[in-house]
Amino acid sequence: MSEVEDITSKIDSQNKKDAMWQVVIGIVLSVLAVLGMFILARNMSKPIMNAVDMAKEISKGCFDRRLNYSKEDEVGQLSFALDNMANILKSHADIAEKIASGNLNQTVTMAGVDDQLGLALKRMLDDLNQLVSDIKTRADIIGSNSDTVSVMSDDLSNGATDSAASVTEISASIA
């Protein structure tokens, strides 16, 4: 019986050691899994947070930042859309800046058929070009009319001079 007790004792001892190793291995694997999930979550959330930051900058009127994230997943599609939106808004802002500086020879590139800002810029550019054309036409008319007024003024002046001379002659002949 003592031999059975020895074997039982050894088995119990080995079971305790095995259980301890299982707990240690389980804890190590759990810690590694948590670290792996943390790294994975950070890698997944970083591009999304960059997209949020870029959207905030766009909402403040800054169109210079790009994400340049080229994965084929949903975050990649979001990044592509934000980069494209920033490019279009930057292009529209550049056109508006050139218009503001007096350069009306601009072409507005539409982002799509529903591009409200592009349509407004195009309409504004067309209206300003029409206004400048109307002002030039009216300036030419005013220039032409001023030449006519000048000629008439000279004729009137000559007529007044002739009238004054006639009055002087009449006055001299009466006296």
Protein backbone atom coordinates (compact mmCIF):
# COMPACT_ATOMS: atom_id res chain seq x y z
CA MET A 1 0.00 0.00 0.00
CA SER A 2 2.78 2.32 0.60
CA GLU A 3 3.72 2.03 -3.01
CA VAL A 4 0.22 3.09 -4.04
CA GLU A 5 0.37 6.00 -1.66
CA ASP A 6 3.73 7.03 -3.15
CA ILE A 7 2.36 6.92 -6.65
CA THR A 8 -0.77 8.79 -5.58
CA SER A 9 1.37 11.41 -3.87
CA LYS A 10 3.55 11.79 -6.95
CA ILE A 11 0.51 12.08 -9.20
CA ASP A 12 -1.03 14.70 -6.88
CA SER A 13 2.23 16.62 -6.84
CA GLN A 14 2.52 16.44 -10.63
CA ASN A 15 -1.13 17.51 -11.00
CA LYS A 16 -0.50 20.57 -8.82
CA LYS A 17 2.58 21.46 -10.90
CA ASP A 18 0.64 20.96 -14.14
CA ALA A 19 -2.26 23.04 -12.84
CA MET A 20 0.15 25.80 -11.83
CA TRP A 21 1.75 25.78 -15.29
CA GLN A 22 -1.69 25.87 -16.94
CA VAL A 23 -2.62 28.91 -14.85
CA VAL A 24 0.69 30.65 -15.66
CA ILE A 25 0.38 29.87 -19.38
CA GLY A 26 -3.27 30.99 -19.32
CA ILE A 27 -2.33 34.29 -17.68
CA VAL A 28 0.54 34.89 -20.13
CA LEU A 29 -1.70 34.09 -23.12
CA SER A 30 -4.44 36.36 -21.74
CA VAL A 31 -1.98 39.24 -21.29
CA LEU A 32 -0.63 38.70 -24.83
CA ALA A 33 -4.17 38.57 -26.21
CA VAL A 34 -5.10 41.82 -24.44
CA LEU A 35 -1.92 43.52 -25.73
CA GLY A 36 -2.60 42.22 -29.24
CA MET A 37 -6.19 43.50 -29.12
CA PHE A 38 -4.97 46.88 -27.83
CA ILE A 39 -2.45 47.21 -30.67
CA LEU A 40 -5.04 46.08 -33.22
CA ALA A 41 -7.64 48.51 -31.88
CA ARG A 42 -5.13 51.38 -31.92
CA ASN A 43 -4.10 50.56 -35.50
CA MET A 44 -7.74 50.48 -36.54
CA SER A 45 -8.76 53.63 -34.70
CA LYS A 46 -5.75 55.75 -35.69
CA PRO A 47 -6.86 56.29 -39.33
CA ILE A 48 -10.40 56.99 -38.15
CA MET A 49 -9.15 59.57 -35.65
CA ASN A 50 -7.01 61.12 -38.44
CA ALA A 51 -10.15 61.30 -40.58
CA VAL A 52 -12.04 62.98 -37.72
CA ASP A 53 -9.21 65.51 -37.29
CA MET A 54 -9.19 66.22 -41.02
CA ALA A 55 -12.98 66.69 -41.06
CA LYS A 56 -12.63 69.18 -38.20
CA GLU A 57 -9.96 71.10 -40.15
CA ILE A 58 -12.18 71.15 -43.25
CA SER A 59 -15.05 72.48 -41.13
CA LYS A 60 -12.74 75.35 -40.11
CA GLY A 61 -11.96 76.17 -43.76
CA CYS A 62 -8.51 74.53 -43.99
CA PHE A 63 -8.31 72.37 -47.12
CA ASP A 64 -4.57 71.59 -47.21
CA ARG A 65 -4.42 68.32 -45.22
CA ARG A 66 -4.66 64.90 -46.89
CA LEU A 67 -4.92 61.45 -45.28
CA ASN A 68 -3.28 59.44 -48.09
CA TYR A 69 -4.60 56.18 -46.60
CA SER A 70 -4.83 53.68 -49.42
CA LYS A 71 -6.34 50.50 -47.97
CA GLU A 72 -9.33 48.91 -49.69
CA ASP A 73 -11.45 48.74 -46.51
CA GLU A 74 -14.18 51.12 -45.35
CA VAL A 75 -11.64 53.40 -43.68
CA GLY A 76 -9.73 53.57 -46.98
CA GLN A 77 -12.93 54.52 -48.79
CA LEU A 78 -13.66 57.19 -46.17
CA SER A 79 -10.11 58.52 -46.47
CA PHE A 80 -10.34 58.64 -50.27
CA ALA A 81 -13.66 60.51 -50.06
CA LEU A 82 -12.26 63.03 -47.55
CA ASP A 83 -9.11 63.59 -49.64
CA ASN A 84 -11.24 64.08 -52.76
CA MET A 85 -13.55 66.49 -50.92
CA ALA A 86 -10.54 68.48 -49.67
CA ASN A 87 -9.13 68.62 -53.22
CA ILE A 88 -12.40 69.93 -54.66
CA LEU A 89 -12.87 72.48 -51.87
CA LYS A 90 -9.25 73.63 -52.24
CA SER A 91 -9.76 74.02 -55.99
CA HIS A 92 -12.95 76.05 -55.44
CA ALA A 93 -11.21 78.19 -52.79
CA ASP A 94 -8.30 78.86 -55.18
CA ILE A 95 -10.73 79.92 -57.91
CA ALA A 96 -12.56 82.22 -55.48
CA GLU A 97 -9.22 83.73 -54.43
CA LYS A 98 -8.29 84.42 -58.07
CA ILE A 99 -11.70 85.96 -58.70
CA ALA A 100 -11.25 88.15 -55.61
CA SER A 101 -7.93 89.38 -56.99
CA GLY A 102 -9.63 90.39 -60.25
CA ASN A 103 -8.80 87.44 -62.50
CA LEU A 104 -12.12 86.47 -64.08
CA ASN A 105 -10.56 84.11 -66.66
CA GLN A 106 -11.24 81.00 -64.56
CA THR A 107 -12.78 77.63 -65.31
CA VAL A 108 -14.78 75.99 -62.54
CA THR A 109 -14.37 72.21 -62.40
CA MET A 110 -17.54 70.65 -61.09
CA ALA A 111 -17.27 67.85 -58.52
CA GLY A 112 -20.54 66.42 -59.81
CA VAL A 113 -23.94 67.45 -61.07
CA ASP A 114 -25.03 68.39 -57.55
CA ASP A 115 -21.93 70.47 -56.72
CA GLN A 116 -23.65 73.45 -55.08
CA LEU A 117 -20.45 75.39 -54.43
CA GLY A 118 -19.18 74.74 -57.96
CA LEU A 119 -22.50 75.85 -59.45
CA ALA A 120 -22.50 79.00 -57.31
CA LEU A 121 -18.90 79.81 -58.33
CA LYS A 122 -19.71 79.24 -62.00
CA ARG A 123 -22.83 81.42 -61.78
CA MET A 124 -20.88 84.14 -59.92
CA LEU A 125 -18.10 84.02 -62.52
CA ASP A 126 -20.59 84.20 -65.40
CA ASP A 127 -22.44 87.10 -63.73
CA LEU A 128 -19.21 89.01 -63.04
CA ASN A 129 -18.01 88.51 -66.63
CA GLN A 130 -21.40 89.74 -67.91
CA LEU A 131 -21.22 92.73 -65.56
CA VAL A 132 -17.72 93.63 -66.77
CA SER A 133 -18.89 93.28 -70.36
CA ASP A 134 -21.90 95.54 -69.67
CA ILE A 135 -19.65 98.11 -67.96
CA LYS A 136 -17.26 98.13 -70.95
CA THR A 137 -20.18 98.57 -73.36
CA ARG A 138 -21.60 101.44 -71.32
CA ALA A 139 -18.15 103.00 -70.95
CA ASP A 140 -17.79 102.94 -74.74
CA ILE A 141 -21.21 104.59 -75.07
CA ILE A 142 -20.27 107.21 -72.48
CA GLY A 143 -16.99 107.83 -74.33
CA SER A 144 -18.83 108.23 -77.61
CA ASN A 145 -21.42 110.55 -76.00
CA SER A 146 -18.69 112.60 -74.36
CA ASP A 147 -17.13 113.19 -77.79
CA THR A 148 -20.54 114.36 -79.03
CA VAL A 149 -20.98 116.60 -75.98
CA SER A 150 -17.50 118.02 -76.55
CA VAL A 151 -18.28 118.84 -80.18
CA MET A 152 -21.61 120.38 -79.17
CA SER A 153 -19.89 122.37 -76.43
CA ASP A 154 -17.38 123.70 -78.97
CA ASP A 155 -20.25 124.59 -81.32
CA LEU A 156 -22.10 126.28 -78.45
CA SER A 157 -18.96 128.16 -77.46
CA ASN A 158 -18.42 129.27 -81.04
CA GLY A 159 -22.09 130.25 -81.25
CA ALA A 160 -21.75 132.26 -78.03
CA THR A 161 -18.62 133.95 -79.35
CA ASP A 162 -20.39 134.76 -82.63
CA SER A 163 -23.43 136.04 -80.69
CA ALA A 164 -21.19 138.22 -78.51
CA ALA A 165 -19.50 139.61 -81.59
CA SER A 166 -22.88 140.32 -83.18
CA VAL A 167 -24.10 142.02 -80.03
CA THR A 168 -20.95 144.11 -79.98
CA GLU A 169 -21.46 145.13 -83.60
CA ILE A 170 -25.09 145.97 -82.99
CA SER A 171 -24.15 147.99 -79.93
CA ALA A 172 -21.48 149.82 -81.89
CA SER A 173 -23.84 150.61 -84.74
CA ILE A 174 -26.50 151.94 -82.38
CA ALA A 175 -24.14 154.16 -80.55
